[in-house]
Amino acid sequence: MKNIILISITFLSITSVVGQTKYFTKTGNIIFEASVPSFEEIKSENNSVTAIIDTDTQEFAVLALMKAFRFKIALMEEHFNENYLESDTYPKATFKGKLVKFELSKLSQTPQKIQLNGILNIHNKSKEISTIALVSLKDNSINLTANFNIKPEDFDVKIPSIVKEKIAKEINIHINLDMQKK
């Protein structure tokens, strides 16, 4: 009897692992922009973002290292990492959530609008995010793009009064991920 139970548990464990389909990338892209008219552009890009989606559970996760964001002006990058985001203390940003009513079998090359809900953690502070993602499937790769806005104060990011008017009150975040089957 013990052997039958053990074999059953082993079989169920193997089939649950085999049944899972995950798509993954380490080269995702995040752009954020905090520019305001009449002042210098405040825009940064990170091209080494890690992301994974489990197509069976609809779970989705993203990890971005803060020091991987690149600015046109080195001084902005330095201020971003040392003064605002304190990247040595808080080295990463994460997003964990779900794609609501996501079905891999219904994806095509034409992007579909899918609700994306989750928790964004930056600077060791978390905030619920809800946005529409455009999701498509081409050549065994899932592409996901999404845009949303955040406020620095929601993540306890302090902007000095001397530059407060030069930085947008809401920062636009754009995500572009091409995830390959794992």
C-alpha atoms as a PDB file:
ATOM      1  CA  MET A   1       0.000   0.000   0.000  1.00  0.00           C
ATOM      2  CA  LYS A   2       2.839   2.381   0.878  1.00  0.00           C
ATOM      3  CA  ASN A   3       4.419   1.755  -2.511  1.00  0.00           C
ATOM      4  CA  ILE A   4       1.201   2.564  -4.368  1.00  0.00           C
ATOM      5  CA  ILE A   5       0.846   5.844  -2.454  1.00  0.00           C
ATOM      6  CA  LEU A   6       4.494   6.727  -3.103  1.00  0.00           C
ATOM      7  CA  ILE A   7       4.205   5.941  -6.831  1.00  0.00           C
ATOM      8  CA  SER A   8       0.977   7.957  -7.044  1.00  0.00           C
ATOM      9  CA  ILE A   9       2.549  10.977  -5.330  1.00  0.00           C
ATOM     10  CA  THR A  10       5.629  10.763  -7.568  1.00  0.00           C
ATOM     11  CA  PHE A  11       3.481  10.511 -10.714  1.00  0.00           C
ATOM     12  CA  LEU A  12       1.317  13.468  -9.685  1.00  0.00           C
ATOM     13  CA  SER A  13       4.425  15.534  -8.917  1.00  0.00           C
ATOM     14  CA  ILE A  14       5.973  14.768 -12.304  1.00  0.00           C
ATOM     15  CA  THR A  15       2.797  15.478 -14.273  1.00  0.00           C
ATOM     16  CA  SER A  16       2.212  18.760 -12.480  1.00  0.00           C
ATOM     17  CA  VAL A  17       5.757  19.893 -13.334  1.00  0.00           C
ATOM     18  CA  VAL A  18       5.544  18.665 -16.948  1.00  0.00           C
ATOM     19  CA  GLY A  19       2.153  20.352 -17.417  1.00  0.00           C
ATOM     20  CA  GLN A  20       3.452  23.782 -16.544  1.00  0.00           C
ATOM     21  CA  THR A  21       4.408  26.040 -19.415  1.00  0.00           C
ATOM     22  CA  LYS A  22       6.637  28.973 -18.607  1.00  0.00           C
ATOM     23  CA  TYR A  23       7.987  31.746 -20.801  1.00  0.00           C
ATOM     24  CA  PHE A  24      11.065  33.641 -19.698  1.00  0.00           C
ATOM     25  CA  THR A  25      13.454  36.466 -20.602  1.00  0.00           C
ATOM     26  CA  LYS A  26      16.558  38.111 -19.175  1.00  0.00           C
ATOM     27  CA  THR A  27      16.604  40.810 -21.848  1.00  0.00           C
ATOM     28  CA  GLY A  28      13.330  42.598 -21.221  1.00  0.00           C
ATOM     29  CA  ASN A  29      13.064  46.358 -21.583  1.00  0.00           C
ATOM     30  CA  ILE A  30      11.730  49.007 -19.203  1.00  0.00           C
ATOM     31  CA  ILE A  31      11.738  52.707 -20.037  1.00  0.00           C
ATOM     32  CA  PHE A  32      10.703  55.311 -17.536  1.00  0.00           C
ATOM     33  CA  GLU A  33      10.170  58.964 -18.252  1.00  0.00           C
ATOM     34  CA  ALA A  34       9.772  61.772 -15.746  1.00  0.00           C
ATOM     35  CA  SER A  35      10.286  64.730 -18.082  1.00  0.00           C
ATOM     36  CA  VAL A  36       8.390  67.999 -17.863  1.00  0.00           C
ATOM     37  CA  PRO A  37       8.119  70.599 -20.644  1.00  0.00           C
ATOM     38  CA  SER A  38      10.819  73.308 -20.779  1.00  0.00           C
ATOM     39  CA  PHE A  39      13.327  71.271 -18.763  1.00  0.00           C
ATOM     40  CA  GLU A  40      15.932  68.637 -19.545  1.00  0.00           C
ATOM     41  CA  GLU A  41      14.673  65.211 -20.552  1.00  0.00           C
ATOM     42  CA  ILE A  42      14.545  62.741 -17.663  1.00  0.00           C
ATOM     43  CA  LYS A  43      14.376  59.358 -19.297  1.00  0.00           C
ATOM     44  CA  SER A  44      16.077  56.061 -18.598  1.00  0.00           C
ATOM     45  CA  GLU A  45      16.165  52.579 -20.063  1.00  0.00           C
ATOM     46  CA  ASN A  46      16.976  49.136 -18.687  1.00  0.00           C
ATOM     47  CA  ASN A  47      17.550  46.342 -21.233  1.00  0.00           C
ATOM     48  CA  SER A  48      18.392  43.540 -18.815  1.00  0.00           C
ATOM     49  CA  VAL A  49      15.031  42.994 -17.164  1.00  0.00           C
ATOM     50  CA  THR A  50      14.127  39.458 -16.088  1.00  0.00           C
ATOM     51  CA  ALA A  51      10.525  38.293 -16.486  1.00  0.00           C
ATOM     52  CA  ILE A  52       8.595  35.029 -16.342  1.00  0.00           C
ATOM     53  CA  ILE A  53       5.019  34.025 -17.013  1.00  0.00           C
ATOM     54  CA  ASP A  54       3.431  30.728 -16.046  1.00  0.00           C
ATOM     55  CA  THR A  55       0.775  30.227 -18.712  1.00  0.00           C
ATOM     56  CA  ASP A  56      -1.081  27.632 -16.624  1.00  0.00           C
ATOM     57  CA  THR A  57      -1.511  29.747 -13.488  1.00  0.00           C
ATOM     58  CA  GLN A  58      -1.479  33.171 -15.248  1.00  0.00           C
ATOM     59  CA  GLU A  59       1.195  34.294 -12.757  1.00  0.00           C
ATOM     60  CA  PHE A  60       3.639  36.907 -13.974  1.00  0.00           C
ATOM     61  CA  ALA A  61       6.789  38.317 -12.369  1.00  0.00           C
ATOM     62  CA  VAL A  62       9.384  40.934 -13.317  1.00  0.00           C
ATOM     63  CA  LEU A  63      12.734  41.856 -11.757  1.00  0.00           C
ATOM     64  CA  ALA A  64      14.746  44.962 -12.673  1.00  0.00           C
ATOM     65  CA  LEU A  65      18.073  45.895 -11.143  1.00  0.00           C
ATOM     66  CA  MET A  66      18.105  49.613 -10.418  1.00  0.00           C
ATOM     67  CA  LYS A  67      21.737  50.141 -11.420  1.00  0.00           C
ATOM     68  CA  ALA A  68      20.958  48.787 -14.905  1.00  0.00           C
ATOM     69  CA  PHE A  69      18.906  51.884 -15.805  1.00  0.00           C
ATOM     70  CA  ARG A  70      20.880  54.064 -18.230  1.00  0.00           C
ATOM     71  CA  PHE A  71      20.466  57.806 -18.676  1.00  0.00           C
ATOM     72  CA  LYS A  72      21.809  60.075 -21.430  1.00  0.00           C
ATOM     73  CA  ILE A  73      23.481  62.201 -18.748  1.00  0.00           C
ATOM     74  CA  ALA A  74      25.809  60.404 -16.328  1.00  0.00           C
ATOM     75  CA  LEU A  75      25.061  62.853 -13.502  1.00  0.00           C
ATOM     76  CA  MET A  76      21.343  61.988 -13.686  1.00  0.00           C
ATOM     77  CA  GLU A  77      22.214  58.306 -13.404  1.00  0.00           C
ATOM     78  CA  GLU A  78      24.394  59.031 -10.388  1.00  0.00           C
ATOM     79  CA  HIS A  79      21.659  61.062  -8.653  1.00  0.00           C
ATOM     80  CA  PHE A  80      19.063  58.400  -9.508  1.00  0.00           C
ATOM     81  CA  ASN A  81      21.132  55.621  -7.904  1.00  0.00           C
ATOM     82  CA  GLU A  82      22.693  57.479  -4.973  1.00  0.00           C
ATOM     83  CA  ASN A  83      20.149  60.105  -3.933  1.00  0.00           C
ATOM     84  CA  TYR A  84      16.685  59.070  -5.094  1.00  0.00           C
ATOM     85  CA  LEU A  85      16.474  55.266  -5.320  1.00  0.00           C
ATOM     86  CA  GLU A  86      19.398  54.484  -3.002  1.00  0.00           C
ATOM     87  CA  SER A  87      20.287  51.555  -5.243  1.00  0.00           C
ATOM     88  CA  ASP A  88      22.957  50.155  -2.947  1.00  0.00           C
ATOM     89  CA  THR A  89      20.347  49.723  -0.200  1.00  0.00           C
ATOM     90  CA  TYR A  90      17.396  48.900  -2.491  1.00  0.00           C
ATOM     91  CA  PRO A  91      19.015  47.231  -5.525  1.00  0.00           C
ATOM     92  CA  LYS A  92      15.931  45.952  -7.333  1.00  0.00           C
ATOM     93  CA  ALA A  93      12.370  46.620  -8.347  1.00  0.00           C
ATOM     94  CA  THR A  94       9.913  43.738  -8.591  1.00  0.00           C
ATOM     95  CA  PHE A  95       6.437  43.176  -9.922  1.00  0.00           C
ATOM     96  CA  LYS A  96       4.405  40.083  -9.047  1.00  0.00           C
ATOM     97  CA  GLY A  97       0.933  39.607 -10.388  1.00  0.00           C
ATOM     98  CA  LYS A  98      -1.481  37.870 -12.719  1.00  0.00           C
ATOM     99  CA  LEU A  99      -2.763  38.238 -16.236  1.00  0.00           C
ATOM    100  CA  VAL A 100      -6.533  38.037 -15.752  1.00  0.00           C
ATOM    101  CA  LYS A 101      -8.325  35.548 -18.031  1.00  0.00           C
ATOM    102  CA  PHE A 102      -5.087  34.833 -19.899  1.00  0.00           C
ATOM    103  CA  GLU A 103      -5.282  31.812 -22.234  1.00  0.00           C
ATOM    104  CA  LEU A 104      -2.214  30.774 -24.219  1.00  0.00           C
ATOM    105  CA  SER A 105      -4.382  28.922 -26.760  1.00  0.00           C
ATOM    106  CA  LYS A 106      -6.162  32.175 -27.693  1.00  0.00           C
ATOM    107  CA  LEU A 107      -2.994  34.180 -28.375  1.00  0.00           C
ATOM    108  CA  SER A 108      -1.998  35.108 -31.917  1.00  0.00           C
ATOM    109  CA  GLN A 109       0.302  37.566 -33.674  1.00  0.00           C
ATOM    110  CA  THR A 110      -2.353  40.232 -33.170  1.00  0.00           C
ATOM    111  CA  PRO A 111      -1.881  41.789 -29.704  1.00  0.00           C
ATOM    112  CA  GLN A 112      -4.756  41.202 -27.295  1.00  0.00           C
ATOM    113  CA  LYS A 113      -5.678  43.461 -24.403  1.00  0.00           C
ATOM    114  CA  ILE A 114      -5.369  41.545 -21.130  1.00  0.00           C
ATOM    115  CA  GLN A 115      -5.852  42.927 -17.616  1.00  0.00           C
ATOM    116  CA  LEU A 116      -2.625  42.856 -15.589  1.00  0.00           C
ATOM    117  CA  ASN A 117      -2.916  43.171 -11.797  1.00  0.00           C
ATOM    118  CA  GLY A 118      -0.149  42.914  -9.251  1.00  0.00           C
ATOM    119  CA  ILE A 119       2.157  44.452  -6.678  1.00  0.00           C
ATOM    120  CA  LEU A 120       5.035  46.715  -7.695  1.00  0.00           C
ATOM    121  CA  ASN A 121       7.846  46.973  -5.143  1.00  0.00           C
ATOM    122  CA  ILE A 122      10.375  49.791  -5.465  1.00  0.00           C
ATOM    123  CA  HIS A 123      12.566  51.264  -2.722  1.00  0.00           C
ATOM    124  CA  ASN A 124      11.190  48.579  -0.367  1.00  0.00           C
ATOM    125  CA  LYS A 125       7.646  49.976  -0.726  1.00  0.00           C
ATOM    126  CA  SER A 126       4.781  48.156  -2.412  1.00  0.00           C
ATOM    127  CA  LYS A 127       1.830  49.448  -4.399  1.00  0.00           C
ATOM    128  CA  GLU A 128      -0.968  47.704  -6.268  1.00  0.00           C
ATOM    129  CA  ILE A 129      -0.843  48.231 -10.017  1.00  0.00           C
ATOM    130  CA  SER A 130      -3.642  47.510 -12.448  1.00  0.00           C
ATOM    131  CA  THR A 131      -3.180  48.132 -16.164  1.00  0.00           C
ATOM    132  CA  ILE A 132      -3.947  46.727 -19.583  1.00  0.00           C
ATOM    133  CA  ALA A 133      -1.168  44.706 -21.217  1.00  0.00           C
ATOM    134  CA  LEU A 134      -0.937  43.992 -24.927  1.00  0.00           C
ATOM    135  CA  VAL A 135       0.003  40.335 -25.323  1.00  0.00           C
ATOM    136  CA  SER A 136       0.790  38.404 -28.514  1.00  0.00           C
ATOM    137  CA  LEU A 137       2.394  35.116 -29.563  1.00  0.00           C
ATOM    138  CA  LYS A 138       4.810  34.867 -32.487  1.00  0.00           C
ATOM    139  CA  ASP A 139       7.415  32.206 -33.281  1.00  0.00           C
ATOM    140  CA  ASN A 140       6.951  30.535 -29.877  1.00  0.00           C
ATOM    141  CA  SER A 141       7.627  33.836 -28.097  1.00  0.00           C
ATOM    142  CA  ILE A 142       5.146  35.773 -25.953  1.00  0.00           C
ATOM    143  CA  ASN A 143       5.439  39.543 -26.300  1.00  0.00           C
ATOM    144  CA  LEU A 144       3.964  41.661 -23.512  1.00  0.00           C
ATOM    145  CA  THR A 145       3.890  45.448 -23.467  1.00  0.00           C
ATOM    146  CA  ALA A 146       2.310  47.635 -20.813  1.00  0.00           C
ATOM    147  CA  ASN A 147       2.275  51.247 -19.638  1.00  0.00           C
ATOM    148  CA  PHE A 148       1.379  52.702 -16.274  1.00  0.00           C
ATOM    149  CA  ASN A 149       2.200  55.703 -14.107  1.00  0.00           C
ATOM    150  CA  ILE A 150       3.624  55.858 -10.607  1.00  0.00           C
ATOM    151  CA  LYS A 151       4.279  58.660  -8.145  1.00  0.00           C
ATOM    152  CA  PRO A 152       7.673  58.918  -6.368  1.00  0.00           C
ATOM    153  CA  GLU A 153       5.998  59.589  -3.013  1.00  0.00           C
ATOM    154  CA  ASP A 154       4.141  56.249  -3.225  1.00  0.00           C
ATOM    155  CA  PHE A 155       7.548  54.579  -2.901  1.00  0.00           C
ATOM    156  CA  ASP A 156       9.050  57.007  -0.371  1.00  0.00           C
ATOM    157  CA  VAL A 157      11.361  58.468  -3.023  1.00  0.00           C
ATOM    158  CA  LYS A 158      12.253  61.963  -1.864  1.00  0.00           C
ATOM    159  CA  ILE A 159      12.715  64.629  -4.545  1.00  0.00           C
ATOM    160  CA  PRO A 160      14.668  67.681  -3.302  1.00  0.00           C
ATOM    161  CA  SER A 161      12.715  70.943  -3.547  1.00  0.00           C
ATOM    162  CA  ILE A 162      15.432  72.498  -5.727  1.00  0.00           C
ATOM    163  CA  VAL A 163      14.625  70.054  -8.580  1.00  0.00           C
ATOM    164  CA  LYS A 164      11.006  69.194  -7.749  1.00  0.00           C
ATOM    165  CA  GLU A 165       9.595  71.341 -10.582  1.00  0.00           C
ATOM    166  CA  LYS A 166      11.939  69.702 -13.118  1.00  0.00           C
ATOM    167  CA  ILE A 167      10.622  66.176 -12.460  1.00  0.00           C
ATOM    168  CA  ALA A 168       7.140  65.000 -13.440  1.00  0.00           C
ATOM    169  CA  LYS A 169       4.731  64.349 -10.584  1.00  0.00           C
ATOM    170  CA  GLU A 170       3.782  61.071 -12.274  1.00  0.00           C
ATOM    171  CA  ILE A 171       6.447  58.900 -13.877  1.00  0.00           C
ATOM    172  CA  ASN A 172       5.487  56.905 -16.961  1.00  0.00           C
ATOM    173  CA  ILE A 173       6.699  53.301 -17.010  1.00  0.00           C
ATOM    174  CA  HIS A 174       6.768  51.356 -20.298  1.00  0.00           C
ATOM    175  CA  ILE A 175       7.510  47.614 -20.295  1.00  0.00           C
ATOM    176  CA  ASN A 176       8.362  45.519 -23.357  1.00  0.00           C
ATOM    177  CA  LEU A 177       9.094  41.813 -22.855  1.00  0.00           C
ATOM    178  CA  ASP A 178       9.778  39.065 -25.397  1.00  0.00           C
ATOM    179  CA  MET A 179       9.598  35.821 -23.423  1.00  0.00           C
ATOM    180  CA  GLN A 180      10.753  32.473 -24.826  1.00  0.00           C
ATOM    181  CA  LYS A 181       9.347  29.089 -23.827  1.00  0.00           C
ATOM    182  CA  LYS A 182      11.432  27.700 -20.973  1.00  0.00           C
END
